[in-house]
Amino acid sequence: MLAGCQNNTKLVDQTKSSPSDTKNPNDVETQNEKILQDIKEKLLEGKVINSDFRLGDEINEEKIAQIKDEQGDAPKDYYYDFKHIGIGYDYKTNKIDYLMSEPDDIHKITRDDVLRYFGEPTNIHTSMNGMDEGLYSVDYNEKYRLHFIFKKDTNLVVRYSIEIID
């Protein structure tokens, strides 16, 4: 019986976890889920990370000029392309119908992270404009479509965008 008690003590000691065995709440998976949650919350408002613009808003040339000064990139026809955001608009109505964002920490998110969080895509393209990137699209609700662009060789997110569903 005494030997049995010693074995139980060893069993208890073996099951104790060291600090290195416990998950750090700031691990990459938790951070990725927080970013995806932020993307979802902004999407419900018709917005993207890093932008005050909203889908359906009219273009405000003063705000565009301010962002151009801050980010340094030049606007293009019906699409403004800045360092971390892009804004597309319907030139007939001057209303925003497309927003793109490339927050710095989005590049850690994998295709599997996106699939787990948002579910199966409604549309997949294996190449975008001949680039080595793939597109995941999902009609998130009746108003908005969500796109993630992945680097094919790593399956990591390059950028994401939202658009109004016609």
C-alpha atoms as a PDB file:
ATOM      1  CA  MET A   1       0.000   0.000   0.000  1.00  0.00           C
ATOM      2  CA  LEU A   2       2.796   2.386   0.757  1.00  0.00           C
ATOM      3  CA  ALA A   3       4.169   1.834  -2.748  1.00  0.00           C
ATOM      4  CA  GLY A   4       0.758   2.749  -4.177  1.00  0.00           C
ATOM      5  CA  CYS A   5       0.814   6.089  -2.389  1.00  0.00           C
ATOM      6  CA  GLN A   6       4.254   6.831  -3.793  1.00  0.00           C
ATOM      7  CA  ASN A   7       3.009   6.100  -7.311  1.00  0.00           C
ATOM      8  CA  ASN A   8       0.024   8.416  -6.824  1.00  0.00           C
ATOM      9  CA  THR A   9       2.364  11.164  -5.708  1.00  0.00           C
ATOM     10  CA  LYS A  10       4.477  10.677  -8.823  1.00  0.00           C
ATOM     11  CA  LEU A  11       1.341  10.680 -10.985  1.00  0.00           C
ATOM     12  CA  VAL A  12       0.235  13.987  -9.493  1.00  0.00           C
ATOM     13  CA  ASP A  13       3.697  15.478  -9.970  1.00  0.00           C
ATOM     14  CA  GLN A  14       3.775  14.338 -13.622  1.00  0.00           C
ATOM     15  CA  THR A  15       0.422  15.956 -14.407  1.00  0.00           C
ATOM     16  CA  LYS A  16       1.393  19.377 -13.073  1.00  0.00           C
ATOM     17  CA  SER A  17       1.976  21.750 -15.945  1.00  0.00           C
ATOM     18  CA  SER A  18       4.907  24.068 -16.152  1.00  0.00           C
ATOM     19  CA  PRO A  19       4.430  27.688 -17.242  1.00  0.00           C
ATOM     20  CA  SER A  20       5.755  26.762 -20.697  1.00  0.00           C
ATOM     21  CA  ASP A  21       2.910  24.238 -21.124  1.00  0.00           C
ATOM     22  CA  THR A  22       0.120  26.810 -20.704  1.00  0.00           C
ATOM     23  CA  LYS A  23      -1.166  28.789 -23.682  1.00  0.00           C
ATOM     24  CA  ASN A  24      -0.231  32.414 -23.820  1.00  0.00           C
ATOM     25  CA  PRO A  25      -3.374  34.533 -24.361  1.00  0.00           C
ATOM     26  CA  ASN A  26      -1.403  36.709 -26.797  1.00  0.00           C
ATOM     27  CA  ASP A  27      -0.527  33.851 -29.134  1.00  0.00           C
ATOM     28  CA  VAL A  28      -0.887  34.272 -32.879  1.00  0.00           C
ATOM     29  CA  GLU A  29      -4.151  32.325 -33.125  1.00  0.00           C
ATOM     30  CA  THR A  30      -5.834  34.550 -30.519  1.00  0.00           C
ATOM     31  CA  GLN A  31      -4.485  37.686 -32.211  1.00  0.00           C
ATOM     32  CA  ASN A  32      -5.722  36.472 -35.595  1.00  0.00           C
ATOM     33  CA  GLU A  33      -9.193  35.812 -34.195  1.00  0.00           C
ATOM     34  CA  LYS A  34      -9.284  39.327 -32.727  1.00  0.00           C
ATOM     35  CA  ILE A  35      -8.360  40.807 -36.111  1.00  0.00           C
ATOM     36  CA  LEU A  36     -11.043  38.715 -37.845  1.00  0.00           C
ATOM     37  CA  GLN A  37     -13.559  39.810 -35.212  1.00  0.00           C
ATOM     38  CA  ASP A  38     -12.592  43.445 -35.856  1.00  0.00           C
ATOM     39  CA  ILE A  39     -13.030  42.876 -39.602  1.00  0.00           C
ATOM     40  CA  LYS A  40     -16.507  41.413 -38.963  1.00  0.00           C
ATOM     41  CA  GLU A  41     -17.557  44.280 -36.674  1.00  0.00           C
ATOM     42  CA  LYS A  42     -16.370  46.889 -39.188  1.00  0.00           C
ATOM     43  CA  LEU A  43     -18.072  44.970 -42.023  1.00  0.00           C
ATOM     44  CA  LEU A  44     -21.427  45.180 -40.243  1.00  0.00           C
ATOM     45  CA  GLU A  45     -20.981  48.980 -40.323  1.00  0.00           C
ATOM     46  CA  GLY A  46     -19.878  48.930 -43.985  1.00  0.00           C
ATOM     47  CA  LYS A  47     -16.299  49.865 -42.990  1.00  0.00           C
ATOM     48  CA  VAL A  48     -12.788  48.397 -43.110  1.00  0.00           C
ATOM     49  CA  ILE A  49      -9.886  48.636 -40.679  1.00  0.00           C
ATOM     50  CA  ASN A  50      -7.817  51.854 -41.064  1.00  0.00           C
ATOM     51  CA  SER A  51     -10.610  53.834 -42.713  1.00  0.00           C
ATOM     52  CA  ASP A  52     -13.375  56.181 -41.615  1.00  0.00           C
ATOM     53  CA  PHE A  53     -15.108  55.761 -44.968  1.00  0.00           C
ATOM     54  CA  ARG A  54     -18.279  53.671 -45.186  1.00  0.00           C
ATOM     55  CA  LEU A  55     -19.810  51.829 -48.119  1.00  0.00           C
ATOM     56  CA  GLY A  56     -22.553  53.993 -49.610  1.00  0.00           C
ATOM     57  CA  ASP A  57     -21.052  57.293 -48.394  1.00  0.00           C
ATOM     58  CA  GLU A  58     -20.500  60.088 -50.874  1.00  0.00           C
ATOM     59  CA  ILE A  59     -16.879  60.897 -51.704  1.00  0.00           C
ATOM     60  CA  ASN A  60     -15.598  63.798 -49.637  1.00  0.00           C
ATOM     61  CA  GLU A  61     -12.760  65.368 -51.629  1.00  0.00           C
ATOM     62  CA  GLU A  62     -11.400  67.149 -48.530  1.00  0.00           C
ATOM     63  CA  LYS A  63     -11.024  63.842 -46.679  1.00  0.00           C
ATOM     64  CA  ILE A  64      -9.448  62.224 -49.746  1.00  0.00           C
ATOM     65  CA  ALA A  65      -6.894  65.062 -49.887  1.00  0.00           C
ATOM     66  CA  GLN A  66      -6.112  64.636 -46.183  1.00  0.00           C
ATOM     67  CA  ILE A  67      -5.500  60.887 -46.594  1.00  0.00           C
ATOM     68  CA  LYS A  68      -3.418  61.541 -49.709  1.00  0.00           C
ATOM     69  CA  ASP A  69      -1.226  63.908 -47.677  1.00  0.00           C
ATOM     70  CA  GLU A  70      -0.886  61.353 -44.850  1.00  0.00           C
ATOM     71  CA  GLN A  71      -0.344  58.269 -47.021  1.00  0.00           C
ATOM     72  CA  GLY A  72       1.373  59.770 -50.052  1.00  0.00           C
ATOM     73  CA  ASP A  73      -0.137  57.764 -52.898  1.00  0.00           C
ATOM     74  CA  ALA A  74      -1.859  59.295 -55.891  1.00  0.00           C
ATOM     75  CA  PRO A  75      -5.551  58.735 -56.696  1.00  0.00           C
ATOM     76  CA  LYS A  76      -6.625  56.905 -59.842  1.00  0.00           C
ATOM     77  CA  ASP A  77      -9.821  57.056 -61.926  1.00  0.00           C
ATOM     78  CA  TYR A  78     -12.775  55.937 -59.792  1.00  0.00           C
ATOM     79  CA  TYR A  79     -10.395  54.329 -57.324  1.00  0.00           C
ATOM     80  CA  TYR A  80      -8.110  55.875 -54.728  1.00  0.00           C
ATOM     81  CA  ASP A  81      -5.135  53.692 -53.819  1.00  0.00           C
ATOM     82  CA  PHE A  82      -3.341  54.605 -50.618  1.00  0.00           C
ATOM     83  CA  LYS A  83      -0.711  52.905 -48.491  1.00  0.00           C
ATOM     84  CA  HIS A  84      -3.095  50.888 -46.283  1.00  0.00           C
ATOM     85  CA  ILE A  85      -6.523  51.480 -47.824  1.00  0.00           C
ATOM     86  CA  GLY A  86      -8.225  51.653 -51.187  1.00  0.00           C
ATOM     87  CA  ILE A  87     -11.527  53.339 -52.015  1.00  0.00           C
ATOM     88  CA  GLY A  88     -13.629  52.573 -55.075  1.00  0.00           C
ATOM     89  CA  TYR A  89     -16.703  54.569 -55.997  1.00  0.00           C
ATOM     90  CA  ASP A  90     -19.491  54.685 -58.531  1.00  0.00           C
ATOM     91  CA  TYR A  91     -18.583  57.668 -60.686  1.00  0.00           C
ATOM     92  CA  LYS A  92     -22.260  58.272 -61.584  1.00  0.00           C
ATOM     93  CA  THR A  93     -23.374  58.671 -57.968  1.00  0.00           C
ATOM     94  CA  ASN A  94     -19.990  59.493 -56.363  1.00  0.00           C
ATOM     95  CA  LYS A  95     -20.830  56.944 -53.661  1.00  0.00           C
ATOM     96  CA  ILE A  96     -18.322  54.483 -52.254  1.00  0.00           C
ATOM     97  CA  ASP A  97     -19.042  50.927 -53.406  1.00  0.00           C
ATOM     98  CA  TYR A  98     -15.705  49.247 -52.552  1.00  0.00           C
ATOM     99  CA  LEU A  99     -13.219  49.510 -49.679  1.00  0.00           C
ATOM    100  CA  MET A 100      -9.888  47.704 -49.327  1.00  0.00           C
ATOM    101  CA  SER A 101      -7.646  47.493 -46.276  1.00  0.00           C
ATOM    102  CA  GLU A 102      -4.194  46.121 -45.598  1.00  0.00           C
ATOM    103  CA  PRO A 103      -3.544  46.474 -41.863  1.00  0.00           C
ATOM    104  CA  ASP A 104      -0.010  45.438 -40.873  1.00  0.00           C
ATOM    105  CA  ASP A 105      -1.019  42.517 -38.650  1.00  0.00           C
ATOM    106  CA  ILE A 106      -3.340  40.946 -41.249  1.00  0.00           C
ATOM    107  CA  HIS A 107      -0.366  39.190 -42.878  1.00  0.00           C
ATOM    108  CA  LYS A 108      -0.283  36.613 -40.049  1.00  0.00           C
ATOM    109  CA  ILE A 109      -3.795  35.343 -40.822  1.00  0.00           C
ATOM    110  CA  THR A 110      -4.005  32.072 -42.741  1.00  0.00           C
ATOM    111  CA  ARG A 111      -6.608  30.764 -45.160  1.00  0.00           C
ATOM    112  CA  ASP A 112      -7.590  28.218 -42.475  1.00  0.00           C
ATOM    113  CA  ASP A 113      -8.152  31.041 -39.954  1.00  0.00           C
ATOM    114  CA  VAL A 114     -10.515  32.762 -42.414  1.00  0.00           C
ATOM    115  CA  LEU A 115     -12.390  29.534 -43.214  1.00  0.00           C
ATOM    116  CA  ARG A 116     -12.822  28.742 -39.513  1.00  0.00           C
ATOM    117  CA  TYR A 117     -14.103  32.218 -38.739  1.00  0.00           C
ATOM    118  CA  PHE A 118     -16.206  33.113 -41.803  1.00  0.00           C
ATOM    119  CA  GLY A 119     -17.049  29.688 -43.202  1.00  0.00           C
ATOM    120  CA  GLU A 120     -16.879  28.353 -46.718  1.00  0.00           C
ATOM    121  CA  PRO A 121     -16.494  30.918 -49.501  1.00  0.00           C
ATOM    122  CA  THR A 122     -19.193  31.581 -52.062  1.00  0.00           C
ATOM    123  CA  ASN A 123     -16.539  32.290 -54.684  1.00  0.00           C
ATOM    124  CA  ILE A 124     -12.890  31.279 -55.124  1.00  0.00           C
ATOM    125  CA  HIS A 125     -10.474  32.476 -57.790  1.00  0.00           C
ATOM    126  CA  THR A 126      -7.100  30.802 -58.022  1.00  0.00           C
ATOM    127  CA  SER A 127      -5.415  33.780 -59.658  1.00  0.00           C
ATOM    128  CA  MET A 128      -5.982  37.510 -59.632  1.00  0.00           C
ATOM    129  CA  ASN A 129      -4.876  39.431 -62.706  1.00  0.00           C
ATOM    130  CA  GLY A 130      -2.156  36.869 -63.353  1.00  0.00           C
ATOM    131  CA  MET A 131      -0.590  37.491 -59.941  1.00  0.00           C
ATOM    132  CA  ASP A 132       0.445  34.737 -57.591  1.00  0.00           C
ATOM    133  CA  GLU A 133      -2.542  35.404 -55.350  1.00  0.00           C
ATOM    134  CA  GLY A 134      -5.877  33.722 -54.710  1.00  0.00           C
ATOM    135  CA  LEU A 135      -9.225  35.294 -53.831  1.00  0.00           C
ATOM    136  CA  TYR A 136     -11.740  34.132 -51.226  1.00  0.00           C
ATOM    137  CA  SER A 137     -15.166  35.804 -51.399  1.00  0.00           C
ATOM    138  CA  VAL A 138     -18.231  35.394 -49.239  1.00  0.00           C
ATOM    139  CA  ASP A 139     -21.559  37.199 -49.422  1.00  0.00           C
ATOM    140  CA  TYR A 140     -21.574  38.075 -45.745  1.00  0.00           C
ATOM    141  CA  ASN A 141     -25.140  39.340 -45.642  1.00  0.00           C
ATOM    142  CA  GLU A 142     -27.635  40.682 -48.151  1.00  0.00           C
ATOM    143  CA  LYS A 143     -25.759  44.002 -48.357  1.00  0.00           C
ATOM    144  CA  TYR A 144     -22.023  43.275 -48.332  1.00  0.00           C
ATOM    145  CA  ARG A 145     -19.513  40.931 -49.948  1.00  0.00           C
ATOM    146  CA  LEU A 146     -16.235  40.229 -48.165  1.00  0.00           C
ATOM    147  CA  HIS A 147     -13.015  39.350 -50.035  1.00  0.00           C
ATOM    148  CA  PHE A 148      -9.683  38.070 -48.747  1.00  0.00           C
ATOM    149  CA  ILE A 149      -6.635  37.981 -51.013  1.00  0.00           C
ATOM    150  CA  PHE A 150      -4.139  35.219 -50.181  1.00  0.00           C
ATOM    151  CA  LYS A 151      -0.560  34.732 -51.284  1.00  0.00           C
ATOM    152  CA  LYS A 152      -0.712  31.320 -52.967  1.00  0.00           C
ATOM    153  CA  ASP A 153       2.625  29.965 -51.788  1.00  0.00           C
ATOM    154  CA  THR A 154       2.018  30.783 -48.095  1.00  0.00           C
ATOM    155  CA  ASN A 155      -1.804  30.887 -47.847  1.00  0.00           C
ATOM    156  CA  LEU A 156      -1.413  34.051 -45.777  1.00  0.00           C
ATOM    157  CA  VAL A 157      -3.721  37.058 -46.194  1.00  0.00           C
ATOM    158  CA  VAL A 158      -2.278  39.903 -48.274  1.00  0.00           C
ATOM    159  CA  ARG A 159      -5.245  42.296 -47.907  1.00  0.00           C
ATOM    160  CA  TYR A 160      -9.015  42.252 -47.657  1.00  0.00           C
ATOM    161  CA  SER A 161     -11.886  44.255 -49.086  1.00  0.00           C
ATOM    162  CA  ILE A 162     -15.627  44.709 -48.886  1.00  0.00           C
ATOM    163  CA  GLU A 163     -18.113  45.791 -51.520  1.00  0.00           C
ATOM    164  CA  ILE A 164     -21.782  46.502 -51.895  1.00  0.00           C
ATOM    165  CA  ILE A 165     -23.741  43.631 -53.429  1.00  0.00           C
ATOM    166  CA  ASP A 166     -25.734  44.902 -56.429  1.00  0.00           C
END
